[in-house]
Amino acid sequence: MARADVQPEGSRAPAPLEAPVVDGIDLPDDEQLGYRGPAACRAAGVTYRQLDYWARTGLVEPSVRNPSGSGNHRLYSFRDILVLKVVKRLLDTGVSLQQIRIAVAALRDHGVDDLATITLMSDGASVYECTSDDQVIDLMRAGQGVFGIALGSVWREVEGSLSELPSERPDAETIADHPGDELRGRRERRAAV
């Protein structure tokens, strides 16, 4: 994880996250199940327009299947949806998109299981990664942490939401039924006529 080089002496508090030196790190494909856009939107609490924009700009790209062209569906992994929900929370608290991009890039370096142990703290200008209670306390004492997002609790929220939503395998021959998928419904009605 990329970090600033300068920290207050004697402090265990982490430095603000910085942009990584290496770009293009892909999220590992830890899961073979994917969730289409409508399910990802529901679980993460974002609009389809946000989801599409973030995928096109590379903020959060679907790691199970990221096709180009029309007629193909993006498939988001559990990890992708967890990151989408974190992005939404950071945006809602006023963190800049530039800082969010840095935080997302830093989260890519972690394994899926590691994400549940991280708390992201922010003072509104910078985002800090904390992996222990002591780091959170040190940030608060230094006045650097205004709010925090415990990824473990976000993990449980996403897990609960996804348990009620349809998933599919990227190599499935038939598309899973996705209630609320208006575009698919229109296509099927048009084909039936």
N, C-alpha and C. Protein backbone atom coordinates (compact mmCIF):
# COMPACT_ATOMS: atom_id res chain seq x y z
N MET A 1 0.85 -1.17 0.00
CA MET A 1 0.00 0.00 0.00
C MET A 1 0.90 1.23 0.00
N ALA A 2 0.56 2.16 -0.80
CA ALA A 2 1.34 3.40 -0.89
C ALA A 2 0.99 4.30 0.28
N ARG A 3 2.01 4.85 0.92
CA ARG A 3 1.79 5.74 2.06
C ARG A 3 2.73 6.93 1.95
N ALA A 4 2.39 7.99 2.65
CA ALA A 4 3.28 9.15 2.70
C ALA A 4 4.52 8.78 3.50
N ASP A 5 5.63 9.41 3.20
CA ASP A 5 6.88 9.09 3.88
C ASP A 5 6.99 9.76 5.25
N VAL A 6 6.27 10.83 5.48
CA VAL A 6 6.44 11.61 6.70
C VAL A 6 5.28 11.34 7.65
N GLN A 7 5.63 10.92 8.88
CA GLN A 7 4.64 10.74 9.93
C GLN A 7 5.14 11.46 11.17
N PRO A 8 4.22 11.96 12.00
CA PRO A 8 4.67 12.59 13.23
C PRO A 8 5.46 11.59 14.07
N GLU A 9 6.56 12.05 14.67
CA GLU A 9 7.41 11.18 15.44
C GLU A 9 6.67 10.65 16.66
N GLY A 10 6.80 9.33 16.91
CA GLY A 10 6.16 8.70 18.06
C GLY A 10 4.70 8.34 17.80
N SER A 11 4.18 8.64 16.66
CA SER A 11 2.79 8.33 16.35
C SER A 11 2.68 7.00 15.62
N ARG A 12 1.65 6.23 15.99
CA ARG A 12 1.38 4.99 15.29
C ARG A 12 0.30 5.19 14.23
N ALA A 13 -0.21 6.39 14.14
CA ALA A 13 -1.28 6.68 13.18
C ALA A 13 -0.74 6.58 11.76
N PRO A 14 -1.54 6.03 10.87
CA PRO A 14 -1.09 5.92 9.49
C PRO A 14 -1.09 7.27 8.80
N ALA A 15 -0.26 7.37 7.79
CA ALA A 15 -0.22 8.57 6.96
C ALA A 15 -1.34 8.48 5.93
N PRO A 16 -1.72 9.61 5.33
CA PRO A 16 -2.77 9.56 4.31
C PRO A 16 -2.37 8.66 3.15
N LEU A 17 -3.36 8.03 2.56
CA LEU A 17 -3.10 7.20 1.39
C LEU A 17 -2.67 8.09 0.23
N GLU A 18 -1.71 7.60 -0.54
CA GLU A 18 -1.25 8.32 -1.72
C GLU A 18 -1.47 7.45 -2.94
N ALA A 19 -1.45 8.08 -4.09
CA ALA A 19 -1.63 7.34 -5.34
C ALA A 19 -0.50 6.32 -5.47
N PRO A 20 -0.84 5.09 -5.89
CA PRO A 20 0.20 4.07 -6.05
C PRO A 20 1.11 4.41 -7.23
N VAL A 21 2.32 3.91 -7.16
CA VAL A 21 3.29 4.17 -8.21
C VAL A 21 2.96 3.34 -9.45
N VAL A 22 2.45 2.13 -9.25
CA VAL A 22 2.15 1.23 -10.35
C VAL A 22 0.66 1.29 -10.65
N ASP A 23 0.31 1.58 -11.89
CA ASP A 23 -1.09 1.60 -12.30
C ASP A 23 -1.46 0.27 -12.94
N GLY A 24 -2.76 0.05 -13.11
CA GLY A 24 -3.23 -1.11 -13.83
C GLY A 24 -3.23 -2.39 -13.04
N ILE A 25 -3.24 -2.33 -11.70
CA ILE A 25 -3.30 -3.53 -10.89
C ILE A 25 -4.74 -4.03 -10.95
N ASP A 26 -4.90 -5.27 -11.38
CA ASP A 26 -6.24 -5.84 -11.49
C ASP A 26 -6.65 -6.47 -10.18
N LEU A 27 -7.93 -6.39 -9.89
CA LEU A 27 -8.46 -7.09 -8.73
C LEU A 27 -8.40 -8.58 -9.03
N PRO A 28 -7.99 -9.38 -8.06
CA PRO A 28 -7.93 -10.82 -8.31
C PRO A 28 -9.34 -11.38 -8.49
N ASP A 29 -9.45 -12.41 -9.31
CA ASP A 29 -10.74 -13.05 -9.56
C ASP A 29 -10.92 -14.14 -8.51
N ASP A 30 -11.34 -13.74 -7.31
CA ASP A 30 -11.49 -14.67 -6.20
C ASP A 30 -12.78 -15.47 -6.27
N GLU A 31 -13.71 -15.02 -7.05
CA GLU A 31 -15.01 -15.67 -7.08
C GLU A 31 -15.40 -15.96 -8.52
N GLN A 32 -16.16 -17.03 -8.70
CA GLN A 32 -16.65 -17.35 -10.01
C GLN A 32 -18.09 -16.90 -10.21
N LEU A 33 -18.71 -16.36 -9.18
CA LEU A 33 -20.07 -15.85 -9.31
C LEU A 33 -20.02 -14.36 -9.54
N GLY A 34 -20.90 -13.89 -10.40
CA GLY A 34 -20.97 -12.47 -10.68
C GLY A 34 -22.38 -11.96 -10.54
N TYR A 35 -22.51 -10.67 -10.36
CA TYR A 35 -23.81 -10.01 -10.21
C TYR A 35 -23.91 -8.96 -11.29
N ARG A 36 -25.01 -8.98 -12.02
CA ARG A 36 -25.21 -8.00 -13.08
C ARG A 36 -25.47 -6.63 -12.49
N GLY A 37 -25.45 -5.61 -13.37
CA GLY A 37 -25.58 -4.22 -12.97
C GLY A 37 -26.73 -3.92 -12.03
N PRO A 38 -27.97 -4.34 -12.34
CA PRO A 38 -29.08 -4.02 -11.44
C PRO A 38 -28.89 -4.57 -10.03
N ALA A 39 -28.36 -5.79 -9.91
CA ALA A 39 -28.11 -6.39 -8.59
C ALA A 39 -26.99 -5.64 -7.87
N ALA A 40 -25.93 -5.28 -8.61
CA ALA A 40 -24.82 -4.53 -8.01
C ALA A 40 -25.31 -3.18 -7.51
N CYS A 41 -26.16 -2.52 -8.29
CA CYS A 41 -26.70 -1.21 -7.89
C CYS A 41 -27.51 -1.33 -6.60
N ARG A 42 -28.36 -2.33 -6.55
CA ARG A 42 -29.19 -2.53 -5.35
C ARG A 42 -28.34 -2.78 -4.11
N ALA A 43 -27.38 -3.68 -4.25
CA ALA A 43 -26.54 -4.05 -3.09
C ALA A 43 -25.66 -2.90 -2.64
N ALA A 44 -25.16 -2.09 -3.58
CA ALA A 44 -24.24 -1.01 -3.24
C ALA A 44 -24.95 0.30 -2.95
N GLY A 45 -26.23 0.41 -3.33
CA GLY A 45 -26.97 1.64 -3.10
C GLY A 45 -26.60 2.76 -4.05
N VAL A 46 -26.24 2.39 -5.29
CA VAL A 46 -25.87 3.39 -6.28
C VAL A 46 -26.84 3.31 -7.45
N THR A 47 -26.85 4.35 -8.27
CA THR A 47 -27.70 4.34 -9.46
C THR A 47 -26.96 3.63 -10.59
N TYR A 48 -27.71 3.20 -11.57
CA TYR A 48 -27.08 2.54 -12.71
C TYR A 48 -26.18 3.52 -13.47
N ARG A 49 -26.57 4.77 -13.50
CA ARG A 49 -25.76 5.79 -14.17
C ARG A 49 -24.40 5.92 -13.48
N GLN A 50 -24.38 5.92 -12.13
CA GLN A 50 -23.10 5.97 -11.40
C GLN A 50 -22.26 4.74 -11.70
N LEU A 51 -22.91 3.58 -11.65
CA LEU A 51 -22.22 2.31 -11.90
C LEU A 51 -21.56 2.32 -13.28
N ASP A 52 -22.30 2.73 -14.27
CA ASP A 52 -21.80 2.78 -15.64
C ASP A 52 -20.63 3.76 -15.77
N TYR A 53 -20.78 4.94 -15.18
CA TYR A 53 -19.72 5.95 -15.25
C TYR A 53 -18.45 5.45 -14.57
N TRP A 54 -18.59 4.86 -13.39
CA TRP A 54 -17.42 4.37 -12.66
C TRP A 54 -16.73 3.24 -13.41
N ALA A 55 -17.49 2.42 -14.12
CA ALA A 55 -16.89 1.33 -14.91
C ALA A 55 -16.16 1.92 -16.12
N ARG A 56 -16.79 2.88 -16.80
CA ARG A 56 -16.18 3.47 -18.00
C ARG A 56 -14.93 4.26 -17.67
N THR A 57 -14.89 4.90 -16.49
CA THR A 57 -13.72 5.71 -16.12
C THR A 57 -12.66 4.91 -15.36
N GLY A 58 -12.94 3.64 -15.10
CA GLY A 58 -11.96 2.79 -14.44
C GLY A 58 -11.91 2.90 -12.94
N LEU A 59 -12.86 3.59 -12.32
CA LEU A 59 -12.85 3.69 -10.86
C LEU A 59 -13.11 2.32 -10.24
N VAL A 60 -14.20 1.69 -10.63
CA VAL A 60 -14.51 0.33 -10.19
C VAL A 60 -15.01 -0.43 -11.41
N GLU A 61 -14.15 -1.26 -11.95
CA GLU A 61 -14.51 -2.06 -13.11
C GLU A 61 -14.93 -3.45 -12.66
N PRO A 62 -15.88 -4.06 -13.35
CA PRO A 62 -16.29 -5.42 -12.97
C PRO A 62 -15.17 -6.41 -13.23
N SER A 63 -14.85 -7.23 -12.24
CA SER A 63 -13.72 -8.14 -12.37
C SER A 63 -14.11 -9.53 -12.87
N VAL A 64 -15.40 -9.88 -12.81
CA VAL A 64 -15.81 -11.20 -13.30
C VAL A 64 -15.94 -11.17 -14.81
N ARG A 65 -16.63 -10.16 -15.33
CA ARG A 65 -16.74 -10.01 -16.78
C ARG A 65 -16.94 -8.53 -17.08
N ASN A 66 -16.06 -8.00 -17.94
CA ASN A 66 -16.14 -6.59 -18.33
C ASN A 66 -16.13 -6.52 -19.86
N PRO A 67 -17.28 -6.81 -20.47
CA PRO A 67 -17.33 -6.85 -21.94
C PRO A 67 -17.37 -5.46 -22.54
N SER A 68 -17.08 -5.41 -23.82
CA SER A 68 -17.25 -4.16 -24.54
C SER A 68 -18.35 -4.37 -25.57
N GLY A 69 -19.04 -3.32 -25.89
CA GLY A 69 -20.13 -3.41 -26.85
C GLY A 69 -21.46 -3.67 -26.18
N SER A 70 -22.52 -3.58 -26.97
CA SER A 70 -23.85 -3.79 -26.40
C SER A 70 -24.23 -5.26 -26.48
N GLY A 71 -25.20 -5.64 -25.68
CA GLY A 71 -25.67 -7.01 -25.66
C GLY A 71 -24.94 -7.89 -24.67
N ASN A 72 -23.83 -7.45 -24.16
CA ASN A 72 -23.09 -8.21 -23.15
C ASN A 72 -23.25 -7.54 -21.81
N HIS A 73 -23.29 -8.33 -20.77
CA HIS A 73 -23.53 -7.80 -19.43
C HIS A 73 -22.26 -7.84 -18.59
N ARG A 74 -22.05 -6.76 -17.88
CA ARG A 74 -20.95 -6.73 -16.92
C ARG A 74 -21.35 -7.60 -15.74
N LEU A 75 -20.37 -8.29 -15.17
CA LEU A 75 -20.60 -9.08 -13.97
C LEU A 75 -19.62 -8.60 -12.89
N TYR A 76 -20.19 -8.19 -11.77
CA TYR A 76 -19.41 -7.68 -10.64
C TYR A 76 -19.26 -8.76 -9.58
N SER A 77 -18.08 -8.88 -9.01
CA SER A 77 -17.83 -9.83 -7.92
C SER A 77 -18.29 -9.22 -6.60
N PHE A 78 -18.30 -10.05 -5.58
CA PHE A 78 -18.62 -9.56 -4.23
C PHE A 78 -17.68 -8.42 -3.86
N ARG A 79 -16.41 -8.60 -4.13
CA ARG A 79 -15.40 -7.59 -3.80
C ARG A 79 -15.69 -6.27 -4.53
N ASP A 80 -16.04 -6.35 -5.81
CA ASP A 80 -16.36 -5.15 -6.58
C ASP A 80 -17.51 -4.39 -5.93
N ILE A 81 -18.53 -5.13 -5.51
CA ILE A 81 -19.71 -4.49 -4.92
C ILE A 81 -19.37 -3.89 -3.56
N LEU A 82 -18.50 -4.55 -2.82
CA LEU A 82 -18.03 -3.99 -1.55
C LEU A 82 -17.33 -2.65 -1.80
N VAL A 83 -16.48 -2.59 -2.81
CA VAL A 83 -15.76 -1.36 -3.14
C VAL A 83 -16.75 -0.29 -3.63
N LEU A 84 -17.75 -0.69 -4.41
CA LEU A 84 -18.78 0.26 -4.87
C LEU A 84 -19.48 0.91 -3.68
N LYS A 85 -19.81 0.10 -2.68
CA LYS A 85 -20.50 0.63 -1.50
C LYS A 85 -19.60 1.58 -0.72
N VAL A 86 -18.32 1.26 -0.64
CA VAL A 86 -17.36 2.15 0.04
C VAL A 86 -17.24 3.47 -0.72
N VAL A 87 -17.16 3.40 -2.05
CA VAL A 87 -17.08 4.61 -2.87
C VAL A 87 -18.31 5.48 -2.61
N LYS A 88 -19.48 4.87 -2.59
CA LYS A 88 -20.72 5.60 -2.35
C LYS A 88 -20.69 6.29 -0.98
N ARG A 89 -20.23 5.58 0.03
CA ARG A 89 -20.17 6.18 1.38
C ARG A 89 -19.18 7.33 1.43
N LEU A 90 -18.03 7.17 0.80
CA LEU A 90 -17.04 8.25 0.79
C LEU A 90 -17.58 9.47 0.05
N LEU A 91 -18.25 9.25 -1.07
CA LEU A 91 -18.86 10.38 -1.80
C LEU A 91 -19.91 11.08 -0.94
N ASP A 92 -20.73 10.29 -0.25
CA ASP A 92 -21.79 10.87 0.58
C ASP A 92 -21.24 11.72 1.72
N THR A 93 -20.03 11.43 2.14
CA THR A 93 -19.43 12.21 3.24
C THR A 93 -18.60 13.38 2.74
N GLY A 94 -18.54 13.55 1.42
CA GLY A 94 -17.87 14.72 0.89
C GLY A 94 -16.42 14.55 0.49
N VAL A 95 -15.92 13.31 0.47
CA VAL A 95 -14.54 13.08 0.06
C VAL A 95 -14.45 13.28 -1.45
N SER A 96 -13.38 13.91 -1.91
CA SER A 96 -13.22 14.20 -3.34
C SER A 96 -13.03 12.91 -4.13
N LEU A 97 -13.44 12.94 -5.38
CA LEU A 97 -13.28 11.79 -6.25
C LEU A 97 -11.81 11.43 -6.43
N GLN A 98 -10.94 12.42 -6.41
CA GLN A 98 -9.50 12.17 -6.52
C GLN A 98 -9.01 11.33 -5.34
N GLN A 99 -9.43 11.69 -4.12
CA GLN A 99 -9.04 10.92 -2.94
C GLN A 99 -9.68 9.53 -2.95
N ILE A 100 -10.90 9.44 -3.47
CA ILE A 100 -11.57 8.13 -3.55
C ILE A 100 -10.81 7.23 -4.51
N ARG A 101 -10.36 7.77 -5.63
CA ARG A 101 -9.57 6.96 -6.58
C ARG A 101 -8.31 6.43 -5.92
N ILE A 102 -7.67 7.25 -5.09
CA ILE A 102 -6.46 6.82 -4.37
C ILE A 102 -6.81 5.69 -3.40
N ALA A 103 -7.92 5.85 -2.67
CA ALA A 103 -8.34 4.82 -1.71
C ALA A 103 -8.67 3.51 -2.42
N VAL A 104 -9.38 3.58 -3.54
CA VAL A 104 -9.74 2.37 -4.29
C VAL A 104 -8.48 1.68 -4.82
N ALA A 105 -7.54 2.47 -5.33
CA ALA A 105 -6.28 1.89 -5.82
C ALA A 105 -5.53 1.20 -4.68
N ALA A 106 -5.56 1.77 -3.49
CA ALA A 106 -4.89 1.16 -2.34
C ALA A 106 -5.59 -0.12 -1.91
N LEU A 107 -6.92 -0.16 -2.00
CA LEU A 107 -7.66 -1.36 -1.62
C LEU A 107 -7.38 -2.52 -2.57
N ARG A 108 -7.01 -2.24 -3.80
CA ARG A 108 -6.71 -3.30 -4.78
C ARG A 108 -5.55 -4.18 -4.33
N ASP A 109 -4.66 -3.62 -3.51
CA ASP A 109 -3.49 -4.37 -3.06
C ASP A 109 -3.83 -5.42 -2.02
N HIS A 110 -5.01 -5.37 -1.46
CA HIS A 110 -5.39 -6.29 -0.38
C HIS A 110 -6.17 -7.48 -0.91
N GLY A 111 -5.97 -8.61 -0.25
CA GLY A 111 -6.79 -9.79 -0.54
C GLY A 111 -8.20 -9.55 -0.04
N VAL A 112 -9.12 -10.34 -0.53
CA VAL A 112 -10.53 -10.17 -0.17
C VAL A 112 -10.71 -10.27 1.35
N ASP A 113 -10.08 -11.26 1.98
CA ASP A 113 -10.24 -11.44 3.42
C ASP A 113 -9.65 -10.28 4.22
N ASP A 114 -8.59 -9.65 3.69
CA ASP A 114 -7.97 -8.51 4.38
C ASP A 114 -8.91 -7.31 4.47
N LEU A 115 -9.79 -7.17 3.49
CA LEU A 115 -10.66 -5.99 3.45
C LEU A 115 -11.54 -5.89 4.69
N ALA A 116 -11.96 -7.03 5.24
CA ALA A 116 -12.84 -7.01 6.41
C ALA A 116 -12.16 -6.46 7.65
N THR A 117 -10.83 -6.38 7.66
CA THR A 117 -10.11 -5.91 8.84
C THR A 117 -9.70 -4.44 8.75
N ILE A 118 -10.09 -3.77 7.67
CA ILE A 118 -9.66 -2.39 7.43
C ILE A 118 -10.75 -1.40 7.82
N THR A 119 -10.34 -0.29 8.41
CA THR A 119 -11.22 0.84 8.64
C THR A 119 -10.63 2.02 7.88
N LEU A 120 -11.44 2.61 7.01
CA LEU A 120 -11.00 3.82 6.31
C LEU A 120 -11.44 5.02 7.13
N MET A 121 -10.50 5.89 7.42
CA MET A 121 -10.78 7.12 8.17
C MET A 121 -10.52 8.30 7.24
N SER A 122 -11.24 9.37 7.47
CA SER A 122 -11.02 10.56 6.65
C SER A 122 -11.28 11.81 7.47
N ASP A 123 -10.59 12.86 7.09
CA ASP A 123 -10.82 14.17 7.69
C ASP A 123 -11.52 15.06 6.67
N GLY A 124 -11.99 14.46 5.59
CA GLY A 124 -12.66 15.19 4.54
C GLY A 124 -11.73 15.54 3.40
N ALA A 125 -10.43 15.62 3.67
CA ALA A 125 -9.45 15.95 2.63
C ALA A 125 -8.62 14.74 2.24
N SER A 126 -8.23 13.94 3.22
CA SER A 126 -7.41 12.76 2.97
C SER A 126 -8.11 11.52 3.51
N VAL A 127 -7.73 10.37 2.97
CA VAL A 127 -8.26 9.09 3.42
C VAL A 127 -7.09 8.31 4.02
N TYR A 128 -7.33 7.68 5.18
CA TYR A 128 -6.32 6.92 5.89
C TYR A 128 -6.80 5.48 6.03
N GLU A 129 -5.89 4.55 5.93
CA GLU A 129 -6.21 3.14 6.13
C GLU A 129 -5.75 2.74 7.52
N CYS A 130 -6.66 2.21 8.32
CA CYS A 130 -6.31 1.74 9.65
C CYS A 130 -6.59 0.25 9.74
N THR A 131 -5.63 -0.48 10.29
CA THR A 131 -5.81 -1.92 10.42
C THR A 131 -5.85 -2.35 11.88
N SER A 132 -5.83 -1.38 12.79
CA SER A 132 -5.93 -1.71 14.22
C SER A 132 -6.69 -0.60 14.94
N ASP A 133 -7.22 -0.95 16.10
CA ASP A 133 -7.93 0.04 16.92
C ASP A 133 -6.99 1.15 17.36
N ASP A 134 -5.72 0.79 17.63
CA ASP A 134 -4.74 1.80 18.05
C ASP A 134 -4.54 2.87 16.98
N GLN A 135 -4.52 2.46 15.72
CA GLN A 135 -4.34 3.43 14.65
C GLN A 135 -5.54 4.37 14.56
N VAL A 136 -6.74 3.84 14.75
CA VAL A 136 -7.95 4.68 14.73
C VAL A 136 -7.88 5.68 15.86
N ILE A 137 -7.52 5.23 17.05
CA ILE A 137 -7.44 6.11 18.22
C ILE A 137 -6.38 7.18 18.01
N ASP A 138 -5.22 6.79 17.47
CA ASP A 138 -4.16 7.77 17.23
C ASP A 138 -4.59 8.84 16.22
N LEU A 139 -5.32 8.43 15.19
CA LEU A 139 -5.82 9.40 14.22
C LEU A 139 -6.80 10.37 14.87
N MET A 140 -7.68 9.84 15.70
CA MET A 140 -8.66 10.69 16.37
C MET A 140 -7.98 11.67 17.32
N ARG A 141 -6.98 11.20 18.03
CA ARG A 141 -6.25 12.07 18.95
C ARG A 141 -5.54 13.19 18.21
N ALA A 142 -5.03 12.88 17.04
CA ALA A 142 -4.31 13.88 16.25
C ALA A 142 -5.26 14.80 15.50
N GLY A 143 -6.56 14.52 15.60
CA GLY A 143 -7.55 15.36 14.92
C GLY A 143 -7.64 15.10 13.43
N GLN A 144 -7.08 13.99 12.98
CA GLN A 144 -7.08 13.70 11.55
C GLN A 144 -8.29 12.88 11.12
N GLY A 145 -8.91 12.18 12.03
CA GLY A 145 -10.06 11.34 11.67
C GLY A 145 -11.36 11.99 12.06
N VAL A 146 -12.17 12.32 11.10
CA VAL A 146 -13.48 12.91 11.37
C VAL A 146 -14.55 11.83 11.31
N PHE A 147 -14.41 10.90 10.38
CA PHE A 147 -15.35 9.80 10.27
C PHE A 147 -14.61 8.57 9.78
N GLY A 148 -15.21 7.42 10.02
CA GLY A 148 -14.59 6.18 9.60
C GLY A 148 -15.60 5.24 8.97
N ILE A 149 -15.10 4.38 8.12
CA ILE A 149 -15.91 3.35 7.50
C ILE A 149 -15.24 2.02 7.78
N ALA A 150 -15.85 1.22 8.66
CA ALA A 150 -15.33 -0.10 8.97
C ALA A 150 -15.76 -1.05 7.87
N LEU A 151 -14.81 -1.54 7.09
CA LEU A 151 -15.14 -2.38 5.94
C LEU A 151 -15.79 -3.70 6.36
N GLY A 152 -15.53 -4.15 7.59
CA GLY A 152 -16.17 -5.37 8.08
C GLY A 152 -17.68 -5.23 8.14
N SER A 153 -18.17 -4.08 8.61
CA SER A 153 -19.62 -3.88 8.67
C SER A 153 -20.21 -3.68 7.28
N VAL A 154 -19.47 -3.02 6.39
CA VAL A 154 -19.93 -2.87 5.00
C VAL A 154 -19.98 -4.24 4.35
N TRP A 155 -19.00 -5.08 4.65
CA TRP A 155 -18.94 -6.45 4.15
C TRP A 155 -20.23 -7.19 4.51
N ARG A 156 -20.63 -7.12 5.78
CA ARG A 156 -21.84 -7.83 6.23
C ARG A 156 -23.10 -7.28 5.55
N GLU A 157 -23.17 -5.97 5.35
CA GLU A 157 -24.31 -5.37 4.67
C GLU A 157 -24.42 -5.87 3.23
N VAL A 158 -23.30 -5.86 2.53
CA VAL A 158 -23.29 -6.31 1.14
C VAL A 158 -23.63 -7.79 1.06
N GLU A 159 -23.07 -8.57 1.96
CA GLU A 159 -23.33 -10.01 1.99
C GLU A 159 -24.83 -10.28 2.20
N GLY A 160 -25.45 -9.53 3.10
CA GLY A 160 -26.88 -9.68 3.35
C GLY A 160 -27.71 -9.29 2.13
N SER A 161 -27.35 -8.19 1.49
CA SER A 161 -28.07 -7.75 0.29
C SER A 161 -27.95 -8.74 -0.85
N LEU A 162 -26.74 -9.25 -1.06
CA LEU A 162 -26.51 -10.15 -2.18
C LEU A 162 -27.15 -11.52 -1.98
N SER A 163 -27.39 -11.90 -0.73
CA SER A 163 -28.01 -13.20 -0.50
C SER A 163 -29.43 -13.25 -1.06
N GLU A 164 -30.03 -12.10 -1.26
CA GLU A 164 -31.39 -12.02 -1.79
C GLU A 164 -31.43 -11.72 -3.28
N LEU A 165 -30.27 -11.54 -3.91
CA LEU A 165 -30.22 -11.14 -5.32
C LEU A 165 -29.64 -12.27 -6.17
N PRO A 166 -30.07 -12.36 -7.43
CA PRO A 166 -29.58 -13.43 -8.31
C PRO A 166 -28.14 -13.20 -8.74
N SER A 167 -27.42 -14.31 -8.86
CA SER A 167 -26.04 -14.26 -9.35
C SER A 167 -25.94 -15.21 -10.54
N GLU A 168 -24.83 -15.11 -11.26
CA GLU A 168 -24.63 -16.03 -12.38
C GLU A 168 -23.15 -16.26 -12.59
N ARG A 169 -22.85 -17.33 -13.26
CA ARG A 169 -21.47 -17.66 -13.60
C ARG A 169 -21.14 -17.00 -14.94
N PRO A 170 -19.90 -16.54 -15.11
CA PRO A 170 -19.56 -15.84 -16.35
C PRO A 170 -19.63 -16.72 -17.59
N ASP A 171 -19.51 -18.03 -17.42
CA ASP A 171 -19.52 -18.93 -18.57
C ASP A 171 -20.88 -19.62 -18.76
N ALA A 172 -21.91 -19.17 -18.05
CA ALA A 172 -23.23 -19.78 -18.15
C ALA A 172 -23.81 -19.54 -19.54
N GLU A 173 -24.47 -20.58 -20.07
CA GLU A 173 -25.05 -20.47 -21.41
C GLU A 173 -26.36 -19.70 -21.40
N THR A 174 -27.11 -19.82 -20.31
CA THR A 174 -28.36 -19.08 -20.20
C THR A 174 -28.20 -17.98 -19.16
N ILE A 175 -28.82 -16.88 -19.42
CA ILE A 175 -28.74 -15.74 -18.52
C ILE A 175 -29.70 -15.96 -17.35
N ALA A 176 -29.23 -15.71 -16.15
CA ALA A 176 -30.06 -15.87 -14.96
C ALA A 176 -31.20 -14.85 -14.99
N ASP A 177 -32.32 -15.22 -14.37
CA ASP A 177 -33.46 -14.32 -14.29
C ASP A 177 -33.16 -13.22 -13.28
N HIS A 178 -33.27 -11.98 -13.73
CA HIS A 178 -32.99 -10.84 -12.87
C HIS A 178 -34.23 -9.97 -12.78
N PRO A 179 -34.98 -10.11 -11.68
CA PRO A 179 -36.15 -9.25 -11.55
C PRO A 179 -35.74 -7.79 -11.52
N GLY A 180 -36.49 -6.98 -12.21
CA GLY A 180 -36.18 -5.56 -12.25
C GLY A 180 -35.27 -5.17 -13.39
N ASP A 181 -34.86 -6.13 -14.23
CA ASP A 181 -34.01 -5.83 -15.37
C ASP A 181 -34.93 -5.40 -16.52
N GLU A 182 -35.19 -4.11 -16.58
CA GLU A 182 -36.14 -3.56 -17.55
C GLU A 182 -35.69 -3.78 -19.00
N LEU A 183 -34.41 -3.60 -19.27
CA LEU A 183 -33.90 -3.74 -20.62
C LEU A 183 -34.12 -5.16 -21.14
N ARG A 184 -33.83 -6.15 -20.33
CA ARG A 184 -34.02 -7.54 -20.74
C ARG A 184 -35.50 -7.81 -20.98
N GLY A 185 -36.37 -7.29 -20.11
CA GLY A 185 -37.81 -7.46 -20.27
C GLY A 185 -38.30 -6.88 -21.59
N ARG A 186 -37.82 -5.69 -21.95
CA ARG A 186 -38.21 -5.07 -23.21
C ARG A 186 -37.75 -5.89 -24.41
N ARG A 187 -36.53 -6.38 -24.33
CA ARG A 187 -36.00 -7.20 -25.43
C ARG A 187 -36.83 -8.47 -25.61
N GLU A 188 -37.17 -9.12 -24.50
CA GLU A 188 -37.96 -10.35 -24.58
C GLU A 188 -39.36 -10.07 -25.13
N ARG A 189 -39.98 -8.96 -24.72
CA ARG A 189 -41.32 -8.63 -25.24
C ARG A 189 -41.25 -8.32 -26.73
N ARG A 190 -40.19 -7.63 -27.16
CA ARG A 190 -40.03 -7.30 -28.57
C ARG A 190 -39.79 -8.58 -29.39
N ALA A 191 -39.04 -9.52 -28.86
CA ALA A 191 -38.76 -10.76 -29.58
C ALA A 191 -39.99 -11.65 -29.67
N ALA A 192 -40.90 -11.54 -28.70
CA ALA A 192 -42.12 -12.36 -28.69
C ALA A 192 -43.14 -11.88 -29.71
N VAL A 193 -43.03 -10.65 -30.16
CA VAL A 193 -44.01 -10.11 -31.11
C VAL A 193 -43.73 -10.53 -32.51
